[in-house]
Amino acid sequence: MRKIRKVEVGDETFEVELVFDGEKWDIKIDDKTFSIKIPDQELDTLRKPKKKKNRKIHSGNISSPIPGKIISIHTTEGEKVTEGQLLIVVEAMKMQNEIKSSVSGTVTKISCKSGERVEAHVSLIEISKEGED
């Protein structure tokens, strides 16, 4: 495994090349190479992937991740929707992208029309989450 990283030491930044051969790390900084061997029991803990916490916060504000043209809208204001339900189809770069609800709730506002061009990350639909109605 070979990686290149930028490392800051004090006020200086260095480009560091890291090479792991299965037993030791060779670290190259400028024209100098340093070798580091990590004991096996510590190496096992370094190899274990960290558990990712699910920090995804679902918002009732639905937007397109990319600019494009609204092809179709599959909901109406006042309609109850469920998480994962198809809301809008946006065409971008000759590809149709389905935008689905990230929450269950009631559609409170639709800010776009079929055929309209939209920018990325602009609110298209607002949904009041269940329990917030």
C-alpha atoms as a PDB file:
ATOM      1  CA  MET A   1       0.000   0.000   0.000  1.00  0.00           C
ATOM      2  CA  ARG A   2       1.371   3.413  -1.019  1.00  0.00           C
ATOM      3  CA  LYS A   3      -0.046   6.779   0.021  1.00  0.00           C
ATOM      4  CA  ILE A   4       1.053  10.378  -0.371  1.00  0.00           C
ATOM      5  CA  ARG A   5      -0.023  12.838   2.329  1.00  0.00           C
ATOM      6  CA  LYS A   6       0.695  16.430   3.297  1.00  0.00           C
ATOM      7  CA  VAL A   7       1.931  16.817   6.860  1.00  0.00           C
ATOM      8  CA  GLU A   8       2.288  20.044   8.814  1.00  0.00           C
ATOM      9  CA  VAL A   9       5.075  20.337  11.362  1.00  0.00           C
ATOM     10  CA  GLY A  10       5.078  23.720  13.035  1.00  0.00           C
ATOM     11  CA  ASP A  11       4.831  26.297  10.239  1.00  0.00           C
ATOM     12  CA  GLU A  12       6.161  23.961   7.544  1.00  0.00           C
ATOM     13  CA  THR A  13       4.229  21.635   5.235  1.00  0.00           C
ATOM     14  CA  PHE A  14       5.856  18.491   3.849  1.00  0.00           C
ATOM     15  CA  GLU A  15       4.699  16.044   1.210  1.00  0.00           C
ATOM     16  CA  VAL A  16       5.212  12.590   2.688  1.00  0.00           C
ATOM     17  CA  GLU A  17       5.197   9.263   0.860  1.00  0.00           C
ATOM     18  CA  LEU A  18       4.031   6.315   2.986  1.00  0.00           C
ATOM     19  CA  VAL A  19       4.714   2.757   1.827  1.00  0.00           C
ATOM     20  CA  PHE A  20       3.543  -0.257   3.837  1.00  0.00           C
ATOM     21  CA  ASP A  21       5.023  -3.612   2.849  1.00  0.00           C
ATOM     22  CA  GLY A  22       3.012  -5.727   5.299  1.00  0.00           C
ATOM     23  CA  GLU A  23       5.598  -5.522   8.089  1.00  0.00           C
ATOM     24  CA  LYS A  24       6.931  -1.975   8.211  1.00  0.00           C
ATOM     25  CA  TRP A  25       6.221   1.535   7.008  1.00  0.00           C
ATOM     26  CA  ASP A  26       8.771   3.360   4.873  1.00  0.00           C
ATOM     27  CA  ILE A  27       8.239   7.097   5.198  1.00  0.00           C
ATOM     28  CA  LYS A  28       9.938   9.306   2.637  1.00  0.00           C
ATOM     29  CA  ILE A  29      10.264  13.037   3.297  1.00  0.00           C
ATOM     30  CA  ASP A  30      12.145  14.979   0.638  1.00  0.00           C
ATOM     31  CA  ASP A  31      15.183  12.752  -0.069  1.00  0.00           C
ATOM     32  CA  LYS A  32      15.236  10.992   3.339  1.00  0.00           C
ATOM     33  CA  THR A  33      13.566   7.655   4.090  1.00  0.00           C
ATOM     34  CA  PHE A  34      12.646   6.435   7.569  1.00  0.00           C
ATOM     35  CA  SER A  35      11.431   2.936   8.430  1.00  0.00           C
ATOM     36  CA  ILE A  36       8.972   2.228  11.222  1.00  0.00           C
ATOM     37  CA  LYS A  37       8.030  -1.242  12.424  1.00  0.00           C
ATOM     38  CA  ILE A  38       4.887  -1.586  14.496  1.00  0.00           C
ATOM     39  CA  PRO A  39       4.530  -4.616  16.812  1.00  0.00           C
ATOM     40  CA  ASP A  40       2.020  -7.202  15.500  1.00  0.00           C
ATOM     41  CA  GLN A  41      -0.533  -6.704  18.296  1.00  0.00           C
ATOM     42  CA  GLU A  42      -0.653  -2.955  17.601  1.00  0.00           C
ATOM     43  CA  LEU A  43      -0.715  -3.532  13.841  1.00  0.00           C
ATOM     44  CA  ASP A  44      -3.923  -5.568  14.181  1.00  0.00           C
ATOM     45  CA  THR A  45      -5.697  -2.620  15.785  1.00  0.00           C
ATOM     46  CA  LEU A  46      -4.483  -0.311  13.004  1.00  0.00           C
ATOM     47  CA  ARG A  47      -5.920  -2.616  10.332  1.00  0.00           C
ATOM     48  CA  LYS A  48      -9.419  -2.751  11.830  1.00  0.00           C
ATOM     49  CA  PRO A  49     -11.719  -0.310  10.085  1.00  0.00           C
ATOM     50  CA  LYS A  50     -13.274   2.287  12.317  1.00  0.00           C
ATOM     51  CA  LYS A  51     -17.009   2.038  12.811  1.00  0.00           C
ATOM     52  CA  LYS A  52     -18.749   4.909  11.119  1.00  0.00           C
ATOM     53  CA  LYS A  53     -21.446   6.613  13.077  1.00  0.00           C
ATOM     54  CA  ASN A  54     -24.611   7.265  11.148  1.00  0.00           C
ATOM     55  CA  ARG A  55     -24.690  11.035  11.473  1.00  0.00           C
ATOM     56  CA  LYS A  56     -26.963  11.590   8.527  1.00  0.00           C
ATOM     57  CA  ILE A  57     -29.613  14.078   9.514  1.00  0.00           C
ATOM     58  CA  HIS A  58     -32.639  13.836   7.291  1.00  0.00           C
ATOM     59  CA  SER A  59     -34.180  17.160   6.393  1.00  0.00           C
ATOM     60  CA  GLY A  60     -37.598  17.845   4.970  1.00  0.00           C
ATOM     61  CA  ASN A  61     -35.975  20.277   2.514  1.00  0.00           C
ATOM     62  CA  ILE A  62     -35.609  18.458  -0.820  1.00  0.00           C
ATOM     63  CA  SER A  63     -33.170  19.783  -3.443  1.00  0.00           C
ATOM     64  CA  SER A  64     -31.331  18.544  -6.515  1.00  0.00           C
ATOM     65  CA  PRO A  65     -27.661  17.640  -5.969  1.00  0.00           C
ATOM     66  CA  ILE A  66     -26.862  18.961  -9.470  1.00  0.00           C
ATOM     67  CA  PRO A  67     -28.291  21.631 -11.794  1.00  0.00           C
ATOM     68  CA  GLY A  68     -30.736  20.368 -14.379  1.00  0.00           C
ATOM     69  CA  LYS A  69     -34.237  20.419 -15.843  1.00  0.00           C
ATOM     70  CA  ILE A  70     -37.334  19.204 -13.979  1.00  0.00           C
ATOM     71  CA  ILE A  71     -38.772  16.366 -16.083  1.00  0.00           C
ATOM     72  CA  SER A  72     -41.629  15.369 -13.774  1.00  0.00           C
ATOM     73  CA  ILE A  73     -43.041  15.992 -10.306  1.00  0.00           C
ATOM     74  CA  HIS A  74     -44.639  12.986  -8.603  1.00  0.00           C
ATOM     75  CA  THR A  75     -46.338  14.658  -5.631  1.00  0.00           C
ATOM     76  CA  THR A  76     -48.660  17.538  -4.769  1.00  0.00           C
ATOM     77  CA  GLU A  77     -48.861  20.019  -1.899  1.00  0.00           C
ATOM     78  CA  GLY A  78     -50.704  18.499   1.060  1.00  0.00           C
ATOM     79  CA  GLU A  79     -49.878  14.921   0.031  1.00  0.00           C
ATOM     80  CA  LYS A  80     -48.471  12.555   2.637  1.00  0.00           C
ATOM     81  CA  VAL A  81     -45.203  10.963   1.475  1.00  0.00           C
ATOM     82  CA  THR A  82     -42.985   8.242   2.887  1.00  0.00           C
ATOM     83  CA  GLU A  83     -39.221   8.075   3.161  1.00  0.00           C
ATOM     84  CA  GLY A  84     -37.781   6.806  -0.137  1.00  0.00           C
ATOM     85  CA  GLN A  85     -40.832   7.802  -2.199  1.00  0.00           C
ATOM     86  CA  LEU A  86     -40.087   9.258  -5.654  1.00  0.00           C
ATOM     87  CA  LEU A  87     -40.782  13.013  -5.685  1.00  0.00           C
ATOM     88  CA  ILE A  88     -39.059  14.545  -8.726  1.00  0.00           C
ATOM     89  CA  VAL A  89     -37.140  13.458 -11.820  1.00  0.00           C
ATOM     90  CA  VAL A  90     -34.378  15.887 -12.877  1.00  0.00           C
ATOM     91  CA  GLU A  91     -32.476  15.584 -16.140  1.00  0.00           C
ATOM     92  CA  ALA A  92     -28.830  16.599 -16.015  1.00  0.00           C
ATOM     93  CA  MET A  93     -26.164  15.829 -18.599  1.00  0.00           C
ATOM     94  CA  LYS A  94     -28.664  13.662 -20.553  1.00  0.00           C
ATOM     95  CA  MET A  95     -29.232  11.468 -17.487  1.00  0.00           C
ATOM     96  CA  GLN A  96     -32.461  11.300 -15.526  1.00  0.00           C
ATOM     97  CA  ASN A  97     -31.982  11.459 -11.747  1.00  0.00           C
ATOM     98  CA  GLU A  98     -34.700  10.393  -9.358  1.00  0.00           C
ATOM     99  CA  ILE A  99     -34.983  12.545  -6.239  1.00  0.00           C
ATOM    100  CA  LYS A 100     -36.648  10.685  -3.399  1.00  0.00           C
ATOM    101  CA  SER A 101     -37.976  11.819  -0.056  1.00  0.00           C
ATOM    102  CA  SER A 102     -35.493  11.610   2.800  1.00  0.00           C
ATOM    103  CA  VAL A 103     -38.301  11.758   5.405  1.00  0.00           C
ATOM    104  CA  SER A 104     -41.902  10.700   5.893  1.00  0.00           C
ATOM    105  CA  GLY A 105     -44.371  13.567   6.256  1.00  0.00           C
ATOM    106  CA  THR A 106     -46.613  16.009   4.418  1.00  0.00           C
ATOM    107  CA  VAL A 107     -45.568  18.079   1.394  1.00  0.00           C
ATOM    108  CA  THR A 108     -45.984  21.716   2.471  1.00  0.00           C
ATOM    109  CA  LYS A 109     -44.487  23.533  -0.528  1.00  0.00           C
ATOM    110  CA  ILE A 110     -43.425  22.782  -4.106  1.00  0.00           C
ATOM    111  CA  SER A 111     -41.097  25.487  -5.474  1.00  0.00           C
ATOM    112  CA  CYS A 112     -40.588  24.200  -9.012  1.00  0.00           C
ATOM    113  CA  LYS A 113     -42.548  23.317 -12.154  1.00  0.00           C
ATOM    114  CA  SER A 114     -42.131  20.630 -14.760  1.00  0.00           C
ATOM    115  CA  GLY A 115     -39.847  21.854 -17.570  1.00  0.00           C
ATOM    116  CA  GLU A 116     -38.123  24.424 -15.323  1.00  0.00           C
ATOM    117  CA  ARG A 117     -34.330  24.616 -15.078  1.00  0.00           C
ATOM    118  CA  VAL A 118     -33.056  24.469 -11.491  1.00  0.00           C
ATOM    119  CA  GLU A 119     -29.736  25.075  -9.786  1.00  0.00           C
ATOM    120  CA  ALA A 120     -28.064  22.609  -7.442  1.00  0.00           C
ATOM    121  CA  HIS A 121     -28.900  22.685  -3.728  1.00  0.00           C
ATOM    122  CA  VAL A 122     -31.884  25.023  -4.143  1.00  0.00           C
ATOM    123  CA  SER A 123     -35.033  23.998  -2.281  1.00  0.00           C
ATOM    124  CA  LEU A 124     -37.521  22.300  -4.620  1.00  0.00           C
ATOM    125  CA  ILE A 125     -39.912  20.683  -2.145  1.00  0.00           C
ATOM    126  CA  GLU A 126     -40.477  21.198   1.557  1.00  0.00           C
ATOM    127  CA  ILE A 127     -41.843  18.378   3.697  1.00  0.00           C
ATOM    128  CA  SER A 128     -43.117  18.718   7.225  1.00  0.00           C
ATOM    129  CA  LYS A 129     -41.874  15.608   9.046  1.00  0.00           C
ATOM    130  CA  GLU A 130     -44.392  13.305  10.701  1.00  0.00           C
ATOM    131  CA  GLY A 131     -45.115  14.605  14.192  1.00  0.00           C
ATOM    132  CA  GLU A 132     -44.250  18.185  13.186  1.00  0.00           C
ATOM    133  CA  ASP A 133     -47.510  18.860  11.300  1.00  0.00           C
END
